[in-house]
Amino acid sequence: MVVCALVTSGCFRQPVPLAILPMEEPKAAALNLKGIDRYHAGEWEASLASFQSALRINPLLVEAHFNAALALHQLDRHKEAAQHFQRAGELDPENQSITGSTLYRNHLGVSSTLERHLSGGYRY
């Protein structure tokens, strides 16, 4: 009963790509947004290419690292996804959208057994 409540209450939602405001890096923000659109269309390779292009403009763009990790996860490239998840967490350790993400926690091996079980995930 508690497990059902946790799952249905959204405790283990699938993470979504993160957008940024275009004030400081308009080109990187536009590429990140293009990647988000492609991600939602299920175009994992194309979304990854957009996120990587944003990172070439600004390698410290937290959201693009997180988003690249999500795309890499969808492509079953988990080792690379873990590297981008780790970098995103290093750049913004207080960002709960990142560090609280089940995929982030599963890829970095910090999720609990219960969390992995309920999310259908595992350590990659």
N, C-alpha and C. Protein backbone atom coordinates (compact mmCIF):
# COMPACT_ATOMS: atom_id res chain seq x y z
N MET A 1 0.82 -1.18 0.00
CA MET A 1 0.00 0.00 0.00
C MET A 1 0.87 1.25 0.00
N VAL A 2 1.88 1.29 0.85
CA VAL A 2 2.79 2.44 0.91
C VAL A 2 3.55 2.55 -0.39
N VAL A 3 3.99 1.42 -0.95
CA VAL A 3 4.73 1.42 -2.20
C VAL A 3 3.89 2.04 -3.31
N CYS A 4 2.63 1.63 -3.39
CA CYS A 4 1.73 2.20 -4.41
C CYS A 4 1.59 3.69 -4.21
N ALA A 5 1.48 4.14 -2.99
CA ALA A 5 1.34 5.57 -2.71
C ALA A 5 2.59 6.33 -3.15
N LEU A 6 3.76 5.76 -2.91
CA LEU A 6 5.00 6.41 -3.32
C LEU A 6 5.09 6.54 -4.84
N VAL A 7 4.76 5.47 -5.53
CA VAL A 7 4.85 5.47 -6.98
C VAL A 7 3.82 6.41 -7.59
N THR A 8 2.60 6.34 -7.12
CA THR A 8 1.54 7.17 -7.72
C THR A 8 1.63 8.62 -7.28
N SER A 9 2.30 8.91 -6.18
CA SER A 9 2.40 10.29 -5.72
C SER A 9 3.49 11.05 -6.46
N GLY A 10 4.26 10.37 -7.28
CA GLY A 10 5.26 11.06 -8.07
C GLY A 10 6.64 11.07 -7.45
N CYS A 11 6.88 10.29 -6.42
CA CYS A 11 8.19 10.26 -5.80
C CYS A 11 9.25 9.74 -6.76
N PHE A 12 8.85 8.96 -7.74
CA PHE A 12 9.79 8.35 -8.66
C PHE A 12 9.46 8.72 -10.10
N ARG A 13 9.15 10.00 -10.33
CA ARG A 13 8.86 10.49 -11.67
C ARG A 13 10.10 10.36 -12.55
N GLN A 14 9.85 10.21 -13.83
CA GLN A 14 10.95 10.23 -14.79
C GLN A 14 11.42 11.67 -14.92
N PRO A 15 12.72 11.89 -14.86
CA PRO A 15 13.22 13.26 -14.99
C PRO A 15 13.00 13.79 -16.41
N VAL A 16 12.85 15.09 -16.49
CA VAL A 16 12.69 15.74 -17.78
C VAL A 16 13.88 16.66 -18.00
N PRO A 17 14.23 16.93 -19.25
CA PRO A 17 15.35 17.83 -19.52
C PRO A 17 15.10 19.22 -18.92
N LEU A 18 16.18 19.88 -18.55
CA LEU A 18 16.11 21.18 -17.90
C LEU A 18 16.45 22.30 -18.89
N ALA A 19 15.67 23.35 -18.87
CA ALA A 19 15.92 24.52 -19.72
C ALA A 19 16.70 25.57 -18.93
N ILE A 20 17.29 26.51 -19.65
CA ILE A 20 18.01 27.62 -19.03
C ILE A 20 17.49 28.93 -19.61
N LEU A 21 17.69 30.01 -18.88
CA LEU A 21 17.32 31.33 -19.39
C LEU A 21 18.41 31.80 -20.36
N PRO A 22 18.04 32.45 -21.45
CA PRO A 22 19.01 32.79 -22.49
C PRO A 22 19.83 34.06 -22.24
N MET A 23 19.74 34.66 -21.06
CA MET A 23 20.41 35.94 -20.83
C MET A 23 21.92 35.91 -21.05
N GLU A 24 22.60 34.97 -20.44
CA GLU A 24 24.06 34.97 -20.49
C GLU A 24 24.62 34.23 -21.69
N GLU A 25 23.99 33.15 -22.09
CA GLU A 25 24.48 32.31 -23.18
C GLU A 25 23.34 32.03 -24.16
N PRO A 26 22.91 33.01 -24.96
CA PRO A 26 21.75 32.79 -25.81
C PRO A 26 21.92 31.65 -26.82
N LYS A 27 23.10 31.50 -27.40
CA LYS A 27 23.29 30.40 -28.37
C LYS A 27 23.24 29.04 -27.67
N ALA A 28 23.88 28.94 -26.53
CA ALA A 28 23.87 27.68 -25.78
C ALA A 28 22.45 27.37 -25.30
N ALA A 29 21.73 28.40 -24.86
CA ALA A 29 20.35 28.20 -24.40
C ALA A 29 19.46 27.72 -25.54
N ALA A 30 19.67 28.30 -26.73
CA ALA A 30 18.87 27.90 -27.90
C ALA A 30 19.16 26.46 -28.29
N LEU A 31 20.43 26.07 -28.26
CA LEU A 31 20.80 24.69 -28.58
C LEU A 31 20.25 23.72 -27.54
N ASN A 32 20.30 24.12 -26.28
CA ASN A 32 19.75 23.28 -25.21
C ASN A 32 18.25 23.10 -25.42
N LEU A 33 17.55 24.18 -25.76
CA LEU A 33 16.11 24.11 -26.00
C LEU A 33 15.78 23.23 -27.21
N LYS A 34 16.60 23.35 -28.25
CA LYS A 34 16.43 22.49 -29.44
C LYS A 34 16.60 21.02 -29.04
N GLY A 35 17.58 20.75 -28.19
CA GLY A 35 17.79 19.39 -27.70
C GLY A 35 16.61 18.88 -26.90
N ILE A 36 16.02 19.77 -26.09
CA ILE A 36 14.84 19.37 -25.30
C ILE A 36 13.69 19.00 -26.23
N ASP A 37 13.48 19.80 -27.26
CA ASP A 37 12.41 19.49 -28.23
C ASP A 37 12.66 18.13 -28.88
N ARG A 38 13.90 17.88 -29.27
CA ARG A 38 14.23 16.60 -29.90
C ARG A 38 14.11 15.45 -28.91
N TYR A 39 14.47 15.69 -27.68
CA TYR A 39 14.35 14.67 -26.64
C TYR A 39 12.88 14.26 -26.48
N HIS A 40 12.00 15.25 -26.37
CA HIS A 40 10.57 14.95 -26.21
C HIS A 40 9.98 14.28 -27.44
N ALA A 41 10.62 14.45 -28.60
CA ALA A 41 10.17 13.78 -29.82
C ALA A 41 10.74 12.37 -29.93
N GLY A 42 11.56 11.98 -28.95
CA GLY A 42 12.17 10.64 -28.97
C GLY A 42 13.36 10.54 -29.89
N GLU A 43 13.91 11.67 -30.29
CA GLU A 43 15.09 11.71 -31.17
C GLU A 43 16.34 11.82 -30.30
N TRP A 44 16.74 10.70 -29.71
CA TRP A 44 17.82 10.70 -28.70
C TRP A 44 19.15 11.17 -29.28
N GLU A 45 19.54 10.65 -30.44
CA GLU A 45 20.84 11.05 -31.05
C GLU A 45 20.84 12.54 -31.37
N ALA A 46 19.75 13.02 -31.96
CA ALA A 46 19.67 14.43 -32.34
C ALA A 46 19.66 15.33 -31.09
N SER A 47 18.96 14.88 -30.06
CA SER A 47 18.94 15.68 -28.83
C SER A 47 20.33 15.72 -28.20
N LEU A 48 21.01 14.59 -28.19
CA LEU A 48 22.36 14.54 -27.65
C LEU A 48 23.28 15.48 -28.42
N ALA A 49 23.17 15.49 -29.74
CA ALA A 49 24.02 16.38 -30.56
C ALA A 49 23.77 17.85 -30.18
N SER A 50 22.52 18.22 -29.94
CA SER A 50 22.22 19.60 -29.55
C SER A 50 22.81 19.93 -28.17
N PHE A 51 22.66 19.01 -27.23
CA PHE A 51 23.22 19.25 -25.89
C PHE A 51 24.74 19.35 -25.95
N GLN A 52 25.37 18.51 -26.76
CA GLN A 52 26.82 18.56 -26.90
C GLN A 52 27.26 19.87 -27.55
N SER A 53 26.50 20.35 -28.50
CA SER A 53 26.81 21.64 -29.13
C SER A 53 26.72 22.77 -28.10
N ALA A 54 25.71 22.72 -27.24
CA ALA A 54 25.59 23.71 -26.18
C ALA A 54 26.79 23.65 -25.24
N LEU A 55 27.25 22.44 -24.95
CA LEU A 55 28.42 22.27 -24.07
C LEU A 55 29.71 22.75 -24.72
N ARG A 56 29.80 22.71 -26.04
CA ARG A 56 30.99 23.25 -26.71
C ARG A 56 31.05 24.77 -26.53
N ILE A 57 29.89 25.41 -26.48
CA ILE A 57 29.85 26.85 -26.24
C ILE A 57 30.16 27.16 -24.78
N ASN A 58 29.56 26.38 -23.89
CA ASN A 58 29.79 26.59 -22.46
C ASN A 58 29.89 25.24 -21.75
N PRO A 59 31.11 24.76 -21.52
CA PRO A 59 31.30 23.45 -20.87
C PRO A 59 30.82 23.39 -19.43
N LEU A 60 30.45 24.54 -18.86
CA LEU A 60 29.98 24.58 -17.48
C LEU A 60 28.46 24.66 -17.39
N LEU A 61 27.79 24.44 -18.50
CA LEU A 61 26.33 24.54 -18.55
C LEU A 61 25.72 23.29 -17.89
N VAL A 62 25.33 23.46 -16.66
CA VAL A 62 24.84 22.35 -15.83
C VAL A 62 23.69 21.61 -16.51
N GLU A 63 22.72 22.38 -16.99
CA GLU A 63 21.53 21.78 -17.58
C GLU A 63 21.86 20.93 -18.80
N ALA A 64 22.79 21.39 -19.62
CA ALA A 64 23.17 20.62 -20.81
C ALA A 64 23.87 19.32 -20.42
N HIS A 65 24.64 19.33 -19.34
CA HIS A 65 25.25 18.08 -18.86
C HIS A 65 24.17 17.10 -18.41
N PHE A 66 23.22 17.60 -17.63
CA PHE A 66 22.14 16.75 -17.15
C PHE A 66 21.32 16.21 -18.33
N ASN A 67 21.01 17.09 -19.27
CA ASN A 67 20.21 16.69 -20.42
C ASN A 67 20.95 15.69 -21.31
N ALA A 68 22.24 15.90 -21.49
CA ALA A 68 23.04 14.95 -22.26
C ALA A 68 23.02 13.58 -21.57
N ALA A 69 23.09 13.58 -20.25
CA ALA A 69 23.03 12.32 -19.50
C ALA A 69 21.70 11.61 -19.74
N LEU A 70 20.60 12.37 -19.76
CA LEU A 70 19.29 11.76 -20.01
C LEU A 70 19.25 11.12 -21.40
N ALA A 71 19.77 11.84 -22.40
CA ALA A 71 19.78 11.31 -23.77
C ALA A 71 20.66 10.08 -23.86
N LEU A 72 21.83 10.13 -23.23
CA LEU A 72 22.74 8.98 -23.24
C LEU A 72 22.10 7.78 -22.56
N HIS A 73 21.37 8.02 -21.49
CA HIS A 73 20.64 6.93 -20.82
C HIS A 73 19.67 6.28 -21.80
N GLN A 74 18.93 7.08 -22.54
CA GLN A 74 17.97 6.55 -23.51
C GLN A 74 18.67 5.74 -24.60
N LEU A 75 19.92 6.08 -24.89
CA LEU A 75 20.69 5.37 -25.91
C LEU A 75 21.45 4.17 -25.33
N ASP A 76 21.21 3.86 -24.05
CA ASP A 76 21.90 2.76 -23.35
C ASP A 76 23.41 2.96 -23.30
N ARG A 77 23.84 4.19 -23.26
CA ARG A 77 25.26 4.54 -23.13
C ARG A 77 25.47 5.02 -21.69
N HIS A 78 25.35 4.08 -20.76
CA HIS A 78 25.27 4.41 -19.34
C HIS A 78 26.56 4.92 -18.73
N LYS A 79 27.70 4.45 -19.20
CA LYS A 79 28.97 4.94 -18.66
C LYS A 79 29.13 6.42 -18.98
N GLU A 80 28.81 6.80 -20.22
CA GLU A 80 28.89 8.21 -20.60
C GLU A 80 27.83 9.03 -19.87
N ALA A 81 26.63 8.46 -19.70
CA ALA A 81 25.57 9.15 -18.97
C ALA A 81 26.04 9.44 -17.55
N ALA A 82 26.66 8.47 -16.91
CA ALA A 82 27.14 8.65 -15.54
C ALA A 82 28.14 9.80 -15.45
N GLN A 83 28.98 9.94 -16.46
CA GLN A 83 29.97 11.03 -16.46
C GLN A 83 29.28 12.39 -16.52
N HIS A 84 28.26 12.50 -17.35
CA HIS A 84 27.53 13.78 -17.44
C HIS A 84 26.69 14.03 -16.19
N PHE A 85 26.08 12.98 -15.63
CA PHE A 85 25.34 13.15 -14.38
C PHE A 85 26.29 13.63 -13.29
N GLN A 86 27.46 13.01 -13.21
CA GLN A 86 28.43 13.39 -12.18
C GLN A 86 28.86 14.84 -12.34
N ARG A 87 29.14 15.26 -13.57
CA ARG A 87 29.57 16.63 -13.82
C ARG A 87 28.46 17.62 -13.45
N ALA A 88 27.23 17.30 -13.81
CA ALA A 88 26.10 18.18 -13.46
C ALA A 88 26.00 18.32 -11.94
N GLY A 89 26.14 17.22 -11.22
CA GLY A 89 26.08 17.25 -9.77
C GLY A 89 27.23 18.02 -9.15
N GLU A 90 28.40 17.94 -9.76
CA GLU A 90 29.55 18.70 -9.26
C GLU A 90 29.35 20.20 -9.47
N LEU A 91 28.79 20.55 -10.62
CA LEU A 91 28.60 21.96 -10.94
C LEU A 91 27.48 22.62 -10.13
N ASP A 92 26.48 21.85 -9.75
CA ASP A 92 25.35 22.41 -9.01
C ASP A 92 24.80 21.39 -8.01
N PRO A 93 25.58 21.13 -6.94
CA PRO A 93 25.18 20.08 -5.99
C PRO A 93 23.91 20.40 -5.20
N GLU A 94 23.46 21.64 -5.20
CA GLU A 94 22.24 22.02 -4.47
C GLU A 94 20.99 21.91 -5.34
N ASN A 95 21.14 21.61 -6.62
CA ASN A 95 20.01 21.55 -7.53
C ASN A 95 19.29 20.21 -7.37
N GLN A 96 18.15 20.22 -6.70
CA GLN A 96 17.41 19.00 -6.42
C GLN A 96 16.80 18.37 -7.67
N SER A 97 16.61 19.17 -8.71
CA SER A 97 16.12 18.60 -9.97
C SER A 97 17.16 17.63 -10.54
N ILE A 98 18.41 17.88 -10.21
CA ILE A 98 19.50 17.02 -10.68
C ILE A 98 19.81 15.95 -9.64
N THR A 99 20.26 16.37 -8.47
CA THR A 99 20.73 15.41 -7.47
C THR A 99 19.62 14.56 -6.87
N GLY A 100 18.38 15.02 -6.98
CA GLY A 100 17.26 14.22 -6.48
C GLY A 100 16.67 13.30 -7.53
N SER A 101 17.18 13.40 -8.75
CA SER A 101 16.68 12.57 -9.85
C SER A 101 17.04 11.10 -9.62
N THR A 102 16.06 10.24 -9.81
CA THR A 102 16.30 8.81 -9.64
C THR A 102 17.34 8.30 -10.63
N LEU A 103 17.29 8.76 -11.87
CA LEU A 103 18.29 8.32 -12.85
C LEU A 103 19.69 8.77 -12.45
N TYR A 104 19.81 10.00 -11.97
CA TYR A 104 21.10 10.50 -11.48
C TYR A 104 21.60 9.58 -10.37
N ARG A 105 20.74 9.33 -9.39
CA ARG A 105 21.13 8.53 -8.24
C ARG A 105 21.46 7.09 -8.64
N ASN A 106 20.68 6.51 -9.56
CA ASN A 106 20.95 5.14 -10.01
C ASN A 106 22.28 5.06 -10.75
N HIS A 107 22.53 6.00 -11.65
CA HIS A 107 23.77 5.97 -12.44
C HIS A 107 25.01 6.17 -11.58
N LEU A 108 24.89 6.96 -10.52
CA LEU A 108 26.06 7.22 -9.67
C LEU A 108 26.15 6.26 -8.50
N GLY A 109 25.20 5.32 -8.43
CA GLY A 109 25.28 4.28 -7.40
C GLY A 109 24.96 4.77 -6.00
N VAL A 110 24.16 5.83 -5.89
CA VAL A 110 23.84 6.36 -4.56
C VAL A 110 22.37 6.14 -4.18
N SER A 111 21.63 5.46 -5.04
CA SER A 111 20.22 5.19 -4.72
C SER A 111 20.12 4.00 -3.78
N SER A 112 19.08 4.00 -2.99
CA SER A 112 18.85 2.88 -2.08
C SER A 112 18.26 1.71 -2.85
N THR A 113 18.29 0.55 -2.25
CA THR A 113 17.70 -0.64 -2.87
C THR A 113 16.21 -0.42 -3.12
N LEU A 114 15.52 0.15 -2.15
CA LEU A 114 14.10 0.42 -2.30
C LEU A 114 13.85 1.39 -3.46
N GLU A 115 14.63 2.45 -3.51
CA GLU A 115 14.48 3.44 -4.59
C GLU A 115 14.70 2.80 -5.95
N ARG A 116 15.74 1.97 -6.08
CA ARG A 116 16.02 1.30 -7.35
C ARG A 116 14.87 0.37 -7.72
N HIS A 117 14.38 -0.37 -6.74
CA HIS A 117 13.30 -1.32 -6.99
C HIS A 117 12.03 -0.59 -7.44
N LEU A 118 11.66 0.45 -6.72
CA LEU A 118 10.43 1.17 -7.04
C LEU A 118 10.51 1.93 -8.36
N SER A 119 11.70 2.37 -8.72
CA SER A 119 11.85 3.12 -9.97
C SER A 119 12.02 2.21 -11.17
N GLY A 120 12.20 0.91 -10.90
CA GLY A 120 12.43 -0.01 -12.01
C GLY A 120 13.85 0.09 -12.53
N GLY A 121 14.68 0.81 -11.80
CA GLY A 121 16.05 1.04 -12.24
C GLY A 121 17.04 0.15 -11.52
N TYR A 122 18.25 0.37 -11.82
CA TYR A 122 19.34 -0.35 -11.20
C TYR A 122 20.58 0.50 -11.35
N ARG A 123 21.63 0.08 -10.68
CA ARG A 123 22.91 0.82 -10.81
C ARG A 123 23.55 0.43 -12.12
N TYR A 124 23.95 1.42 -12.87
CA TYR A 124 24.49 1.19 -14.21
C TYR A 124 25.99 1.03 -14.17
